[in-house]
Amino acid sequence: MDDVERARACLVTLEGTLVGEFRAYQTLVKLAKEERRVLSLADLDALLSMVARKEALLGEVGRLEAARCVAIEEWARPANGAGRAVAQENDKPPTLADMLPRIDAPTAGRMKRLREGILALVNQLNDLTHGNRALAALALDRLEAVRNFLISLNQPPAYYHPPGARSTVPGQVEAAALALAVERWA
């Protein structure tokens, strides 16, 4: 395989990988939106299922990112001592932005649009994730407040102890309240 064919094969592989990344991020955005709906409904079973799907999809995104880096490095590697070696500062690996000016305009345009789309989806996913994190924290705070309220209901007044009665051991009350909270979410 000569240098031109190898470069073309690398570009085809790279473009396919970018399309895969774009689709994976689209799916992650859909899952994040669904996660927001599930968080507002406090549906723990659906949330656990969604987390498993997101973890699998994030593994796929990691695999695609690694494949993209390999394709870019393969493209940037000079063949037979000649060619397109992309000069890098501080021995950093080449990036897609580094190679776009060095490839044909139609392919560069497609890859640039894919890159911009991926970056837009990543930003949208980041915003959704921050919102979902806030919703989850709010739900946990609400659960903690309910737990504390239930514990306070079971506490006898500090100033009153009937003659001969034992005072309640705080650890037992907290354990009972925690068991009640776990039953609610189970």
N, C-alpha and C. Protein backbone atom coordinates (compact mmCIF):
# COMPACT_ATOMS: atom_id res chain seq x y z
N MET A 1 0.86 -1.17 0.00
CA MET A 1 0.00 0.00 0.00
C MET A 1 0.90 1.22 0.00
N ASP A 2 0.67 2.11 -0.94
CA ASP A 2 1.51 3.30 -1.01
C ASP A 2 0.99 4.36 -0.03
N ASP A 3 1.74 5.44 0.06
CA ASP A 3 1.48 6.49 1.03
C ASP A 3 0.09 7.12 0.84
N VAL A 4 -0.30 7.36 -0.39
CA VAL A 4 -1.58 8.01 -0.66
C VAL A 4 -2.74 7.09 -0.26
N GLU A 5 -2.63 5.81 -0.60
CA GLU A 5 -3.68 4.86 -0.24
C GLU A 5 -3.77 4.71 1.28
N ARG A 6 -2.63 4.68 1.95
CA ARG A 6 -2.62 4.57 3.41
C ARG A 6 -3.27 5.79 4.05
N ALA A 7 -2.95 6.96 3.52
CA ALA A 7 -3.54 8.19 4.05
C ALA A 7 -5.04 8.20 3.83
N ARG A 8 -5.49 7.78 2.64
CA ARG A 8 -6.92 7.74 2.34
C ARG A 8 -7.63 6.75 3.27
N ALA A 9 -7.03 5.59 3.52
CA ALA A 9 -7.61 4.60 4.42
C ALA A 9 -7.72 5.16 5.84
N CYS A 10 -6.71 5.89 6.27
CA CYS A 10 -6.75 6.52 7.60
C CYS A 10 -7.88 7.54 7.68
N LEU A 11 -8.06 8.32 6.63
CA LEU A 11 -9.11 9.34 6.62
C LEU A 11 -10.50 8.69 6.63
N VAL A 12 -10.67 7.60 5.89
CA VAL A 12 -11.95 6.90 5.89
C VAL A 12 -12.24 6.33 7.28
N THR A 13 -11.24 5.73 7.88
CA THR A 13 -11.40 5.20 9.24
C THR A 13 -11.72 6.31 10.22
N LEU A 14 -11.01 7.42 10.11
CA LEU A 14 -11.22 8.56 10.99
C LEU A 14 -12.63 9.12 10.84
N GLU A 15 -13.08 9.27 9.62
CA GLU A 15 -14.42 9.81 9.39
C GLU A 15 -15.49 8.88 9.97
N GLY A 16 -15.32 7.59 9.79
CA GLY A 16 -16.25 6.62 10.37
C GLY A 16 -16.27 6.68 11.89
N THR A 17 -15.11 6.84 12.46
CA THR A 17 -15.01 6.96 13.92
C THR A 17 -15.69 8.22 14.41
N LEU A 18 -15.50 9.34 13.70
CA LEU A 18 -16.15 10.58 14.09
C LEU A 18 -17.67 10.46 14.00
N VAL A 19 -18.17 9.79 12.98
CA VAL A 19 -19.62 9.57 12.86
C VAL A 19 -20.11 8.74 14.05
N GLY A 20 -19.36 7.70 14.41
CA GLY A 20 -19.71 6.89 15.57
C GLY A 20 -19.74 7.69 16.86
N GLU A 21 -18.74 8.55 17.03
CA GLU A 21 -18.71 9.42 18.22
C GLU A 21 -19.90 10.36 18.25
N PHE A 22 -20.21 10.95 17.11
CA PHE A 22 -21.34 11.87 17.02
C PHE A 22 -22.63 11.17 17.43
N ARG A 23 -22.86 9.97 16.91
CA ARG A 23 -24.07 9.21 17.25
C ARG A 23 -24.10 8.81 18.71
N ALA A 24 -22.95 8.44 19.26
CA ALA A 24 -22.88 8.06 20.67
C ALA A 24 -23.21 9.26 21.56
N TYR A 25 -22.68 10.43 21.21
CA TYR A 25 -22.99 11.62 22.01
C TYR A 25 -24.45 12.02 21.86
N GLN A 26 -25.04 11.83 20.68
CA GLN A 26 -26.46 12.09 20.52
C GLN A 26 -27.27 11.20 21.47
N THR A 27 -26.90 9.95 21.54
CA THR A 27 -27.59 9.01 22.43
C THR A 27 -27.39 9.40 23.89
N LEU A 28 -26.19 9.83 24.24
CA LEU A 28 -25.94 10.27 25.62
C LEU A 28 -26.79 11.49 25.98
N VAL A 29 -26.97 12.41 25.05
CA VAL A 29 -27.81 13.58 25.30
C VAL A 29 -29.26 13.13 25.53
N LYS A 30 -29.74 12.19 24.71
CA LYS A 30 -31.11 11.68 24.90
C LYS A 30 -31.25 11.01 26.26
N LEU A 31 -30.23 10.23 26.65
CA LEU A 31 -30.27 9.58 27.96
C LEU A 31 -30.23 10.59 29.09
N ALA A 32 -29.47 11.65 28.95
CA ALA A 32 -29.41 12.69 29.99
C ALA A 32 -30.76 13.38 30.15
N LYS A 33 -31.43 13.61 29.02
CA LYS A 33 -32.77 14.21 29.10
C LYS A 33 -33.76 13.26 29.77
N GLU A 34 -33.67 11.99 29.44
CA GLU A 34 -34.52 10.98 30.06
C GLU A 34 -34.19 10.86 31.55
N GLU A 35 -32.91 10.95 31.88
CA GLU A 35 -32.48 10.90 33.27
C GLU A 35 -33.10 12.04 34.08
N ARG A 36 -33.18 13.21 33.48
CA ARG A 36 -33.79 14.35 34.15
C ARG A 36 -35.26 14.05 34.47
N ARG A 37 -35.97 13.46 33.50
CA ARG A 37 -37.37 13.13 33.72
C ARG A 37 -37.49 12.09 34.84
N VAL A 38 -36.63 11.08 34.83
CA VAL A 38 -36.68 10.02 35.83
C VAL A 38 -36.32 10.58 37.21
N LEU A 39 -35.36 11.48 37.28
CA LEU A 39 -35.01 12.10 38.56
C LEU A 39 -36.18 12.89 39.13
N SER A 40 -36.92 13.58 38.29
CA SER A 40 -38.06 14.36 38.79
C SER A 40 -39.18 13.46 39.27
N LEU A 41 -39.26 12.23 38.74
CA LEU A 41 -40.28 11.27 39.18
C LEU A 41 -39.82 10.42 40.36
N ALA A 42 -38.54 10.49 40.70
CA ALA A 42 -37.93 9.71 41.78
C ALA A 42 -38.12 8.21 41.54
N ASP A 43 -37.96 7.77 40.30
CA ASP A 43 -38.10 6.36 39.93
C ASP A 43 -36.73 5.70 39.99
N LEU A 44 -36.44 5.08 41.12
CA LEU A 44 -35.11 4.54 41.37
C LEU A 44 -34.78 3.39 40.42
N ASP A 45 -35.74 2.51 40.14
CA ASP A 45 -35.48 1.38 39.24
C ASP A 45 -35.10 1.86 37.84
N ALA A 46 -35.86 2.83 37.33
CA ALA A 46 -35.55 3.37 36.00
C ALA A 46 -34.20 4.07 36.01
N LEU A 47 -33.89 4.75 37.10
CA LEU A 47 -32.61 5.45 37.20
C LEU A 47 -31.44 4.47 37.19
N LEU A 48 -31.58 3.37 37.91
CA LEU A 48 -30.51 2.36 37.92
C LEU A 48 -30.31 1.75 36.54
N SER A 49 -31.39 1.49 35.84
CA SER A 49 -31.31 0.96 34.48
C SER A 49 -30.62 1.96 33.56
N MET A 50 -30.97 3.22 33.72
CA MET A 50 -30.39 4.27 32.89
C MET A 50 -28.90 4.44 33.15
N VAL A 51 -28.50 4.33 34.40
CA VAL A 51 -27.08 4.44 34.74
C VAL A 51 -26.28 3.32 34.08
N ALA A 52 -26.83 2.12 34.06
CA ALA A 52 -26.15 1.00 33.41
C ALA A 52 -26.00 1.25 31.91
N ARG A 53 -27.05 1.78 31.28
CA ARG A 53 -26.96 2.08 29.84
C ARG A 53 -25.94 3.19 29.58
N LYS A 54 -25.91 4.21 30.44
CA LYS A 54 -24.94 5.30 30.26
C LYS A 54 -23.51 4.80 30.43
N GLU A 55 -23.29 3.92 31.40
CA GLU A 55 -21.94 3.39 31.61
C GLU A 55 -21.47 2.62 30.38
N ALA A 56 -22.35 1.81 29.81
CA ALA A 56 -21.99 1.06 28.60
C ALA A 56 -21.69 2.01 27.45
N LEU A 57 -22.50 3.04 27.31
CA LEU A 57 -22.31 4.00 26.23
C LEU A 57 -21.03 4.81 26.43
N LEU A 58 -20.72 5.16 27.67
CA LEU A 58 -19.47 5.87 27.94
C LEU A 58 -18.25 5.00 27.63
N GLY A 59 -18.37 3.71 27.86
CA GLY A 59 -17.30 2.79 27.46
C GLY A 59 -17.10 2.79 25.96
N GLU A 60 -18.21 2.82 25.22
CA GLU A 60 -18.14 2.88 23.75
C GLU A 60 -17.51 4.20 23.30
N VAL A 61 -17.88 5.30 23.95
CA VAL A 61 -17.29 6.60 23.60
C VAL A 61 -15.78 6.57 23.84
N GLY A 62 -15.36 5.99 24.93
CA GLY A 62 -13.92 5.88 25.20
C GLY A 62 -13.20 5.07 24.14
N ARG A 63 -13.82 3.98 23.69
CA ARG A 63 -13.23 3.16 22.65
C ARG A 63 -13.12 3.95 21.34
N LEU A 64 -14.19 4.70 21.01
CA LEU A 64 -14.18 5.50 19.79
C LEU A 64 -13.13 6.62 19.85
N GLU A 65 -12.99 7.25 21.01
CA GLU A 65 -11.98 8.30 21.16
C GLU A 65 -10.58 7.73 20.97
N ALA A 66 -10.34 6.54 21.52
CA ALA A 66 -9.03 5.91 21.34
C ALA A 66 -8.79 5.57 19.86
N ALA A 67 -9.83 5.08 19.19
CA ALA A 67 -9.70 4.75 17.76
C ALA A 67 -9.44 6.01 16.93
N ARG A 68 -10.08 7.11 17.32
CA ARG A 68 -9.85 8.39 16.62
C ARG A 68 -8.39 8.81 16.78
N CYS A 69 -7.88 8.74 17.98
CA CYS A 69 -6.48 9.13 18.22
C CYS A 69 -5.51 8.26 17.43
N VAL A 70 -5.78 6.97 17.38
CA VAL A 70 -4.93 6.05 16.62
C VAL A 70 -4.96 6.41 15.13
N ALA A 71 -6.15 6.68 14.61
CA ALA A 71 -6.27 7.02 13.17
C ALA A 71 -5.54 8.32 12.86
N ILE A 72 -5.64 9.30 13.74
CA ILE A 72 -4.95 10.58 13.51
C ILE A 72 -3.44 10.37 13.55
N GLU A 73 -2.96 9.62 14.54
CA GLU A 73 -1.52 9.36 14.64
C GLU A 73 -1.02 8.57 13.44
N GLU A 74 -1.82 7.61 12.99
CA GLU A 74 -1.43 6.83 11.82
C GLU A 74 -1.35 7.72 10.59
N TRP A 75 -2.30 8.61 10.43
CA TRP A 75 -2.29 9.53 9.29
C TRP A 75 -1.07 10.46 9.35
N ALA A 76 -0.75 10.93 10.57
CA ALA A 76 0.34 11.90 10.73
C ALA A 76 1.72 11.27 10.59
N ARG A 77 1.82 9.97 10.78
CA ARG A 77 3.11 9.29 10.69
C ARG A 77 3.60 9.30 9.25
N PRO A 78 4.80 9.78 9.02
CA PRO A 78 5.31 9.77 7.65
C PRO A 78 5.58 8.35 7.17
N ALA A 79 5.30 8.11 5.93
CA ALA A 79 5.57 6.80 5.35
C ALA A 79 6.87 6.87 4.54
N ASN A 80 7.72 5.92 4.73
CA ASN A 80 8.98 5.83 3.97
C ASN A 80 9.82 7.10 4.07
N GLY A 81 9.76 7.75 5.22
CA GLY A 81 10.59 8.92 5.43
C GLY A 81 10.13 10.17 4.71
N ALA A 82 9.03 10.11 3.99
CA ALA A 82 8.55 11.29 3.27
C ALA A 82 7.17 11.62 3.79
N GLY A 83 6.70 12.78 3.46
CA GLY A 83 5.28 13.00 3.63
C GLY A 83 4.85 14.05 4.61
N ARG A 84 3.76 13.71 5.25
CA ARG A 84 2.94 14.67 5.95
C ARG A 84 3.24 14.81 7.42
N ALA A 85 4.34 14.47 7.91
CA ALA A 85 4.55 14.52 9.35
C ALA A 85 4.09 15.86 9.89
N VAL A 86 3.20 15.80 10.86
CA VAL A 86 2.66 17.02 11.45
C VAL A 86 3.58 17.42 12.59
N ALA A 87 4.20 18.57 12.45
CA ALA A 87 5.12 19.04 13.49
C ALA A 87 4.33 19.38 14.74
N GLN A 88 4.77 18.87 15.86
CA GLN A 88 4.09 19.08 17.14
C GLN A 88 5.04 19.72 18.13
N GLU A 89 4.50 20.63 18.91
CA GLU A 89 5.27 21.24 19.98
C GLU A 89 5.21 20.33 21.18
N ASN A 90 6.28 20.26 21.92
CA ASN A 90 6.36 19.49 23.16
C ASN A 90 6.00 18.02 22.96
N ASP A 91 6.21 17.49 21.79
CA ASP A 91 5.93 16.08 21.50
C ASP A 91 4.50 15.67 21.82
N LYS A 92 3.56 16.60 21.69
CA LYS A 92 2.15 16.26 21.89
C LYS A 92 1.65 15.54 20.65
N PRO A 93 0.72 14.58 20.85
CA PRO A 93 0.18 13.89 19.68
C PRO A 93 -0.64 14.85 18.81
N PRO A 94 -0.71 14.56 17.51
CA PRO A 94 -1.48 15.45 16.62
C PRO A 94 -2.96 15.38 16.95
N THR A 95 -3.67 16.45 16.62
CA THR A 95 -5.10 16.50 16.84
C THR A 95 -5.82 16.64 15.51
N LEU A 96 -7.12 16.50 15.56
CA LEU A 96 -7.92 16.67 14.35
C LEU A 96 -7.77 18.08 13.81
N ALA A 97 -7.74 19.06 14.69
CA ALA A 97 -7.56 20.45 14.26
C ALA A 97 -6.23 20.64 13.54
N ASP A 98 -5.19 19.91 13.96
CA ASP A 98 -3.88 20.00 13.31
C ASP A 98 -3.91 19.46 11.88
N MET A 99 -4.70 18.43 11.67
CA MET A 99 -4.67 17.78 10.36
C MET A 99 -5.64 18.37 9.36
N LEU A 100 -6.69 19.05 9.80
CA LEU A 100 -7.70 19.57 8.88
C LEU A 100 -7.12 20.45 7.77
N PRO A 101 -6.17 21.35 8.07
CA PRO A 101 -5.63 22.17 6.98
C PRO A 101 -4.79 21.38 5.97
N ARG A 102 -4.41 20.15 6.31
CA ARG A 102 -3.51 19.38 5.46
C ARG A 102 -4.22 18.34 4.59
N ILE A 103 -5.55 18.28 4.65
CA ILE A 103 -6.27 17.29 3.85
C ILE A 103 -7.16 17.99 2.84
N ASP A 104 -7.72 17.22 1.91
CA ASP A 104 -8.53 17.81 0.85
C ASP A 104 -9.75 18.52 1.43
N ALA A 105 -10.18 19.58 0.75
CA ALA A 105 -11.23 20.46 1.26
C ALA A 105 -12.56 19.74 1.55
N PRO A 106 -13.09 18.89 0.66
CA PRO A 106 -14.37 18.24 0.97
C PRO A 106 -14.30 17.36 2.22
N THR A 107 -13.24 16.58 2.34
CA THR A 107 -13.08 15.73 3.52
C THR A 107 -12.87 16.57 4.76
N ALA A 108 -12.06 17.60 4.65
CA ALA A 108 -11.83 18.49 5.79
C ALA A 108 -13.13 19.16 6.23
N GLY A 109 -13.96 19.56 5.27
CA GLY A 109 -15.23 20.19 5.61
C GLY A 109 -16.15 19.24 6.36
N ARG A 110 -16.24 17.99 5.92
CA ARG A 110 -17.08 17.00 6.60
C ARG A 110 -16.56 16.75 8.01
N MET A 111 -15.26 16.58 8.13
CA MET A 111 -14.68 16.30 9.45
C MET A 111 -14.82 17.50 10.37
N LYS A 112 -14.68 18.69 9.83
CA LYS A 112 -14.84 19.89 10.65
C LYS A 112 -16.26 20.00 11.17
N ARG A 113 -17.25 19.72 10.31
CA ARG A 113 -18.65 19.77 10.76
C ARG A 113 -18.94 18.70 11.81
N LEU A 114 -18.37 17.51 11.60
CA LEU A 114 -18.54 16.45 12.61
C LEU A 114 -17.91 16.87 13.94
N ARG A 115 -16.71 17.44 13.87
CA ARG A 115 -16.02 17.89 15.08
C ARG A 115 -16.84 18.96 15.80
N GLU A 116 -17.35 19.93 15.05
CA GLU A 116 -18.18 20.98 15.65
C GLU A 116 -19.45 20.41 16.26
N GLY A 117 -20.06 19.45 15.56
CA GLY A 117 -21.26 18.80 16.10
C GLY A 117 -20.97 18.05 17.38
N ILE A 118 -19.85 17.34 17.40
CA ILE A 118 -19.47 16.59 18.61
C ILE A 118 -19.23 17.56 19.77
N LEU A 119 -18.52 18.65 19.50
CA LEU A 119 -18.25 19.63 20.56
C LEU A 119 -19.55 20.26 21.07
N ALA A 120 -20.50 20.54 20.18
CA ALA A 120 -21.78 21.10 20.60
C ALA A 120 -22.54 20.10 21.46
N LEU A 121 -22.52 18.82 21.07
CA LEU A 121 -23.20 17.80 21.86
C LEU A 121 -22.54 17.62 23.23
N VAL A 122 -21.21 17.69 23.26
CA VAL A 122 -20.50 17.56 24.54
C VAL A 122 -20.88 18.73 25.46
N ASN A 123 -20.96 19.94 24.92
CA ASN A 123 -21.36 21.09 25.74
C ASN A 123 -22.79 20.92 26.25
N GLN A 124 -23.69 20.47 25.38
CA GLN A 124 -25.08 20.25 25.79
C GLN A 124 -25.15 19.15 26.86
N LEU A 125 -24.38 18.10 26.67
CA LEU A 125 -24.35 17.01 27.64
C LEU A 125 -23.80 17.50 28.98
N ASN A 126 -22.80 18.34 28.94
CA ASN A 126 -22.22 18.91 30.16
C ASN A 126 -23.27 19.72 30.92
N ASP A 127 -24.03 20.56 30.20
CA ASP A 127 -25.08 21.36 30.84
C ASP A 127 -26.16 20.46 31.45
N LEU A 128 -26.60 19.46 30.69
CA LEU A 128 -27.62 18.54 31.20
C LEU A 128 -27.12 17.78 32.43
N THR A 129 -25.87 17.37 32.40
CA THR A 129 -25.31 16.63 33.52
C THR A 129 -25.24 17.49 34.77
N HIS A 130 -24.87 18.75 34.62
CA HIS A 130 -24.84 19.64 35.79
C HIS A 130 -26.25 19.82 36.36
N GLY A 131 -27.24 19.98 35.49
CA GLY A 131 -28.62 20.09 35.95
C GLY A 131 -29.10 18.82 36.64
N ASN A 132 -28.76 17.67 36.07
CA ASN A 132 -29.16 16.40 36.68
C ASN A 132 -28.47 16.19 38.02
N ARG A 133 -27.23 16.62 38.11
CA ARG A 133 -26.51 16.51 39.38
C ARG A 133 -27.20 17.37 40.44
N ALA A 134 -27.66 18.55 40.05
CA ALA A 134 -28.37 19.42 41.00
C ALA A 134 -29.69 18.79 41.43
N LEU A 135 -30.41 18.18 40.49
CA LEU A 135 -31.67 17.50 40.84
C LEU A 135 -31.42 16.33 41.79
N ALA A 136 -30.38 15.56 41.55
CA ALA A 136 -30.04 14.43 42.42
C ALA A 136 -29.66 14.93 43.81
N ALA A 137 -28.88 16.00 43.87
CA ALA A 137 -28.49 16.56 45.17
C ALA A 137 -29.72 17.07 45.93
N LEU A 138 -30.65 17.69 45.21
CA LEU A 138 -31.89 18.17 45.83
C LEU A 138 -32.70 17.00 46.38
N ALA A 139 -32.79 15.92 45.63
CA ALA A 139 -33.52 14.74 46.10
C ALA A 139 -32.86 14.15 47.35
N LEU A 140 -31.52 14.11 47.36
CA LEU A 140 -30.82 13.60 48.54
C LEU A 140 -31.01 14.52 49.74
N ASP A 141 -30.99 15.83 49.51
CA ASP A 141 -31.24 16.78 50.61
C ASP A 141 -32.65 16.61 51.16
N ARG A 142 -33.61 16.41 50.26
CA ARG A 142 -35.00 16.21 50.69
C ARG A 142 -35.10 14.92 51.51
N LEU A 143 -34.44 13.86 51.08
CA LEU A 143 -34.45 12.60 51.81
C LEU A 143 -33.82 12.78 53.19
N GLU A 144 -32.74 13.51 53.25
CA GLU A 144 -32.08 13.78 54.54
C GLU A 144 -32.99 14.57 55.46
N ALA A 145 -33.71 15.55 54.91
CA ALA A 145 -34.64 16.34 55.73
C ALA A 145 -35.77 15.47 56.26
N VAL A 146 -36.31 14.59 55.43
CA VAL A 146 -37.38 13.68 55.88
C VAL A 146 -36.84 12.74 56.94
N ARG A 147 -35.65 12.23 56.73
CA ARG A 147 -35.03 11.34 57.71
C ARG A 147 -34.86 12.05 59.05
N ASN A 148 -34.33 13.26 59.03
CA ASN A 148 -34.14 14.01 60.27
C ASN A 148 -35.48 14.32 60.94
N PHE A 149 -36.49 14.61 60.15
CA PHE A 149 -37.81 14.87 60.72
C PHE A 149 -38.36 13.63 61.40
N LEU A 150 -38.24 12.48 60.74
CA LEU A 150 -38.72 11.23 61.33
C LEU A 150 -37.96 10.90 62.60
N ILE A 151 -36.69 11.13 62.62
CA ILE A 151 -35.91 10.89 63.83
C ILE A 151 -36.37 11.81 64.94
N SER A 152 -36.64 13.07 64.60
CA SER A 152 -37.07 14.02 65.63
C SER A 152 -38.43 13.65 66.21
N LEU A 153 -39.28 13.02 65.41
CA LEU A 153 -40.59 12.59 65.91
C LEU A 153 -40.46 11.48 66.95
N ASN A 154 -39.45 10.68 66.84
CA ASN A 154 -39.26 9.54 67.72
C ASN A 154 -38.45 9.89 68.96
N GLN A 155 -37.92 11.09 69.03
CA GLN A 155 -37.10 11.51 70.17
C GLN A 155 -38.02 12.03 71.28
N PRO A 156 -37.84 11.55 72.49
CA PRO A 156 -38.61 12.12 73.60
C PRO A 156 -38.06 13.51 73.93
N PRO A 157 -38.88 14.34 74.50
CA PRO A 157 -38.38 15.67 74.88
C PRO A 157 -37.18 15.53 75.82
N ALA A 158 -36.24 16.40 75.68
CA ALA A 158 -35.00 16.33 76.46
C ALA A 158 -35.23 16.57 77.94
N TYR A 159 -36.28 17.28 78.28
CA TYR A 159 -36.50 17.64 79.68
C TYR A 159 -37.38 16.64 80.41
N TYR A 160 -37.95 15.65 79.73
CA TYR A 160 -38.87 14.74 80.39
C TYR A 160 -38.40 13.30 80.26
N HIS A 161 -38.32 12.62 81.40
CA HIS A 161 -38.07 11.19 81.45
C HIS A 161 -38.97 10.64 82.54
N PRO A 162 -39.89 9.77 82.17
CA PRO A 162 -40.76 9.19 83.20
C PRO A 162 -39.91 8.44 84.23
N PRO A 163 -40.37 8.40 85.46
CA PRO A 163 -39.60 7.71 86.51
C PRO A 163 -39.39 6.24 86.12
N GLY A 164 -38.17 5.81 86.22
CA GLY A 164 -37.83 4.42 85.93
C GLY A 164 -37.67 4.11 84.44
N ALA A 165 -37.95 5.06 83.56
CA ALA A 165 -37.84 4.80 82.12
C ALA A 165 -36.42 5.06 81.66
N ARG A 166 -35.98 4.24 80.71
CA ARG A 166 -34.66 4.46 80.13
C ARG A 166 -34.76 5.52 79.05
N SER A 167 -33.73 6.33 78.93
CA SER A 167 -33.71 7.27 77.81
C SER A 167 -33.36 6.49 76.55
N THR A 168 -33.84 6.96 75.42
CA THR A 168 -33.63 6.28 74.15
C THR A 168 -32.19 6.45 73.71
N VAL A 169 -31.62 5.39 73.22
CA VAL A 169 -30.25 5.44 72.71
C VAL A 169 -30.31 6.01 71.30
N PRO A 170 -29.63 7.14 71.03
CA PRO A 170 -29.72 7.77 69.72
C PRO A 170 -29.36 6.84 68.56
N GLY A 171 -28.42 5.96 68.72
CA GLY A 171 -28.03 5.07 67.63
C GLY A 171 -29.17 4.18 67.19
N GLN A 172 -30.00 3.74 68.16
CA GLN A 172 -31.14 2.88 67.82
C GLN A 172 -32.19 3.66 67.02
N VAL A 173 -32.41 4.91 67.38
CA VAL A 173 -33.39 5.73 66.68
C VAL A 173 -32.91 6.00 65.24
N GLU A 174 -31.64 6.35 65.09
CA GLU A 174 -31.11 6.60 63.76
C GLU A 174 -31.16 5.35 62.90
N ALA A 175 -30.88 4.19 63.48
CA ALA A 175 -30.93 2.95 62.72
C ALA A 175 -32.36 2.66 62.26
N ALA A 176 -33.33 2.91 63.13
CA ALA A 176 -34.73 2.68 62.76
C ALA A 176 -35.16 3.65 61.65
N ALA A 177 -34.74 4.90 61.75
CA ALA A 177 -35.10 5.89 60.72
C ALA A 177 -34.43 5.55 59.40
N LEU A 178 -33.19 5.09 59.45
CA LEU A 178 -32.49 4.72 58.23
C LEU A 178 -33.15 3.51 57.59
N ALA A 179 -33.55 2.55 58.40
CA ALA A 179 -34.24 1.38 57.84
C ALA A 179 -35.54 1.78 57.18
N LEU A 180 -36.25 2.74 57.77
CA LEU A 180 -37.50 3.24 57.18
C LEU A 180 -37.22 3.93 55.83
N ALA A 181 -36.15 4.70 55.77
CA ALA A 181 -35.80 5.39 54.52
C ALA A 181 -35.40 4.39 53.45
N VAL A 182 -34.66 3.36 53.83
CA VAL A 182 -34.24 2.34 52.86
C VAL A 182 -35.45 1.59 52.33
N GLU A 183 -36.41 1.26 53.23
CA GLU A 183 -37.63 0.58 52.78
C GLU A 183 -38.38 1.43 51.77
N ARG A 184 -38.41 2.73 51.96
CA ARG A 184 -39.12 3.63 51.06
C ARG A 184 -38.53 3.58 49.66
N TRP A 185 -37.19 3.50 49.55
CA TRP A 185 -36.54 3.55 48.26
C TRP A 185 -36.31 2.16 47.67
N ALA A 186 -36.54 1.13 48.42
CA ALA A 186 -36.32 -0.24 47.92
C ALA A 186 -37.44 -0.72 47.02
